[in-house]
């Protein structure tokens, strides 16, 4: 179902979630662009588990779909991150 203009605006301006914006270098931001975890992960491997958990939480928070490559990448990360906790509050 297509999102309403109000939902698109709420998503674009989701400032209530501390994981919405994470400060990174310009180079890191450019290298990531619009890639999902199947195509890009932070260069700091110690952050992969937290990154994946945050990614999944955002997907769940906004009821977003994941393609098969993204899903497989996240499942692979989950296998290496048994202590990672996904915490989110769904958006109404």
C-alpha atoms as a PDB file:
ATOM      1  CA  UNK A   1       0.000   0.000   0.000  1.00  0.00           C
ATOM      2  CA  UNK A   2       1.441   3.407  -0.929  1.00  0.00           C
ATOM      3  CA  UNK A   3       2.324   5.745   1.898  1.00  0.00           C
ATOM      4  CA  UNK A   4       0.340   8.912   2.429  1.00  0.00           C
ATOM      5  CA  UNK A   5       2.102  12.262   2.177  1.00  0.00           C
ATOM      6  CA  UNK A   6       1.876  12.556   5.966  1.00  0.00           C
ATOM      7  CA  UNK A   7       3.584   9.172   6.493  1.00  0.00           C
ATOM      8  CA  UNK A   8       6.357  10.025   4.021  1.00  0.00           C
ATOM      9  CA  UNK A   9       6.912  13.317   5.860  1.00  0.00           C
ATOM     10  CA  UNK A  10       6.959  11.551   9.241  1.00  0.00           C
ATOM     11  CA  UNK A  11       9.548   9.066   7.944  1.00  0.00           C
ATOM     12  CA  UNK A  12      11.713  11.823   6.480  1.00  0.00           C
ATOM     13  CA  UNK A  13      11.609  13.746   9.754  1.00  0.00           C
ATOM     14  CA  UNK A  14      11.818  10.895  12.273  1.00  0.00           C
ATOM     15  CA  UNK A  15      13.762  12.734  14.957  1.00  0.00           C
ATOM     16  CA  UNK A  16      12.244  10.868  17.934  1.00  0.00           C
ATOM     17  CA  UNK A  17      14.493   7.861  17.347  1.00  0.00           C
ATOM     18  CA  UNK A  18      18.149   8.322  18.408  1.00  0.00           C
ATOM     19  CA  UNK A  19      19.279   5.941  15.647  1.00  0.00           C
ATOM     20  CA  UNK A  20      17.731   7.979  12.833  1.00  0.00           C
ATOM     21  CA  UNK A  21      20.806  10.119  12.265  1.00  0.00           C
ATOM     22  CA  UNK A  22      24.274   8.911  13.133  1.00  0.00           C
ATOM     23  CA  UNK A  23      27.208  11.254  12.604  1.00  0.00           C
ATOM     24  CA  UNK A  24      29.745   9.849  10.149  1.00  0.00           C
ATOM     25  CA  UNK A  25      32.507  11.234   7.984  1.00  0.00           C
ATOM     26  CA  UNK A  26      31.638  12.593   4.559  1.00  0.00           C
ATOM     27  CA  UNK A  27      33.676   9.812   2.959  1.00  0.00           C
ATOM     28  CA  UNK A  28      31.747   7.141   4.840  1.00  0.00           C
ATOM     29  CA  UNK A  29      28.446   8.752   3.915  1.00  0.00           C
ATOM     30  CA  UNK A  30      29.425   8.864   0.238  1.00  0.00           C
ATOM     31  CA  UNK A  31      30.602   5.242   0.219  1.00  0.00           C
ATOM     32  CA  UNK A  32      27.334   4.032   1.740  1.00  0.00           C
ATOM     33  CA  UNK A  33      25.018   6.192  -0.382  1.00  0.00           C
ATOM     34  CA  UNK A  34      21.715   4.299  -0.600  1.00  0.00           C
ATOM     35  CA  UNK A  35      23.200   0.808  -0.223  1.00  0.00           C
ATOM     36  CA  UNK A  36      21.694  -1.757   2.125  1.00  0.00           C
ATOM     37  CA  UNK A  37      23.686  -4.269   4.247  1.00  0.00           C
ATOM     38  CA  UNK A  38      23.949  -6.650   1.282  1.00  0.00           C
ATOM     39  CA  UNK A  39      26.007  -4.014  -0.514  1.00  0.00           C
ATOM     40  CA  UNK A  40      27.727  -2.053   2.259  1.00  0.00           C
ATOM     41  CA  UNK A  41      28.813  -2.389   5.885  1.00  0.00           C
ATOM     42  CA  UNK A  42      30.815   0.037   8.029  1.00  0.00           C
ATOM     43  CA  UNK A  43      34.572  -0.323   7.683  1.00  0.00           C
ATOM     44  CA  UNK A  44      34.749  -0.743  11.476  1.00  0.00           C
ATOM     45  CA  UNK A  45      33.882  -4.431  11.771  1.00  0.00           C
ATOM     46  CA  UNK A  46      33.291  -4.077  15.510  1.00  0.00           C
ATOM     47  CA  UNK A  47      30.210  -2.001  14.626  1.00  0.00           C
ATOM     48  CA  UNK A  48      28.616  -4.526  12.232  1.00  0.00           C
ATOM     49  CA  UNK A  49      26.324  -6.078  14.863  1.00  0.00           C
ATOM     50  CA  UNK A  50      25.055  -2.726  16.150  1.00  0.00           C
ATOM     51  CA  UNK A  51      24.614  -1.493  12.579  1.00  0.00           C
ATOM     52  CA  UNK A  52      22.586  -4.554  11.597  1.00  0.00           C
ATOM     53  CA  UNK A  53      20.422  -4.336  14.723  1.00  0.00           C
ATOM     54  CA  UNK A  54      19.721  -0.658  14.061  1.00  0.00           C
ATOM     55  CA  UNK A  55      18.955  -1.390  10.407  1.00  0.00           C
ATOM     56  CA  UNK A  56      16.481  -4.130  11.323  1.00  0.00           C
ATOM     57  CA  UNK A  57      14.887  -1.965  14.015  1.00  0.00           C
ATOM     58  CA  UNK A  58      14.280   0.798  11.473  1.00  0.00           C
ATOM     59  CA  UNK A  59      12.762  -1.693   9.027  1.00  0.00           C
ATOM     60  CA  UNK A  60      10.465  -3.017  11.745  1.00  0.00           C
ATOM     61  CA  UNK A  61       9.664   0.445  13.130  1.00  0.00           C
ATOM     62  CA  UNK A  62       8.393   1.619   9.744  1.00  0.00           C
ATOM     63  CA  UNK A  63       7.155  -1.767   8.440  1.00  0.00           C
ATOM     64  CA  UNK A  64       9.574  -1.620   5.504  1.00  0.00           C
ATOM     65  CA  UNK A  65      10.235  -4.501   3.138  1.00  0.00           C
ATOM     66  CA  UNK A  66      13.618  -6.123   2.505  1.00  0.00           C
ATOM     67  CA  UNK A  67      14.657  -7.769  -0.733  1.00  0.00           C
ATOM     68  CA  UNK A  68      16.153 -11.261  -0.686  1.00  0.00           C
ATOM     69  CA  UNK A  69      19.801 -10.125  -0.880  1.00  0.00           C
ATOM     70  CA  UNK A  70      19.287  -7.729   2.025  1.00  0.00           C
ATOM     71  CA  UNK A  71      17.453 -10.407   4.017  1.00  0.00           C
ATOM     72  CA  UNK A  72      20.252 -12.938   3.470  1.00  0.00           C
ATOM     73  CA  UNK A  73      22.919 -10.401   4.456  1.00  0.00           C
ATOM     74  CA  UNK A  74      21.041  -9.579   7.654  1.00  0.00           C
ATOM     75  CA  UNK A  75      20.537 -13.259   8.480  1.00  0.00           C
ATOM     76  CA  UNK A  76      24.274 -13.823   7.989  1.00  0.00           C
ATOM     77  CA  UNK A  77      25.061 -10.924  10.300  1.00  0.00           C
ATOM     78  CA  UNK A  78      22.586 -12.241  12.866  1.00  0.00           C
ATOM     79  CA  UNK A  79      24.470 -15.557  12.977  1.00  0.00           C
ATOM     80  CA  UNK A  80      27.646 -13.710  13.958  1.00  0.00           C
ATOM     81  CA  UNK A  81      25.849 -11.428  16.436  1.00  0.00           C
ATOM     82  CA  UNK A  82      24.066 -13.709  18.924  1.00  0.00           C
ATOM     83  CA  UNK A  83      24.034 -11.029  21.637  1.00  0.00           C
ATOM     84  CA  UNK A  84      22.647  -8.264  19.416  1.00  0.00           C
ATOM     85  CA  UNK A  85      19.311  -6.903  20.554  1.00  0.00           C
ATOM     86  CA  UNK A  86      16.813  -5.360  18.162  1.00  0.00           C
ATOM     87  CA  UNK A  87      14.707  -2.797  19.960  1.00  0.00           C
ATOM     88  CA  UNK A  88      12.139  -0.555  18.304  1.00  0.00           C
ATOM     89  CA  UNK A  89       8.844   1.214  18.783  1.00  0.00           C
ATOM     90  CA  UNK A  90       6.458   0.855  15.836  1.00  0.00           C
ATOM     91  CA  UNK A  91       5.257   4.051  14.235  1.00  0.00           C
ATOM     92  CA  UNK A  92       1.460   4.291  14.267  1.00  0.00           C
END
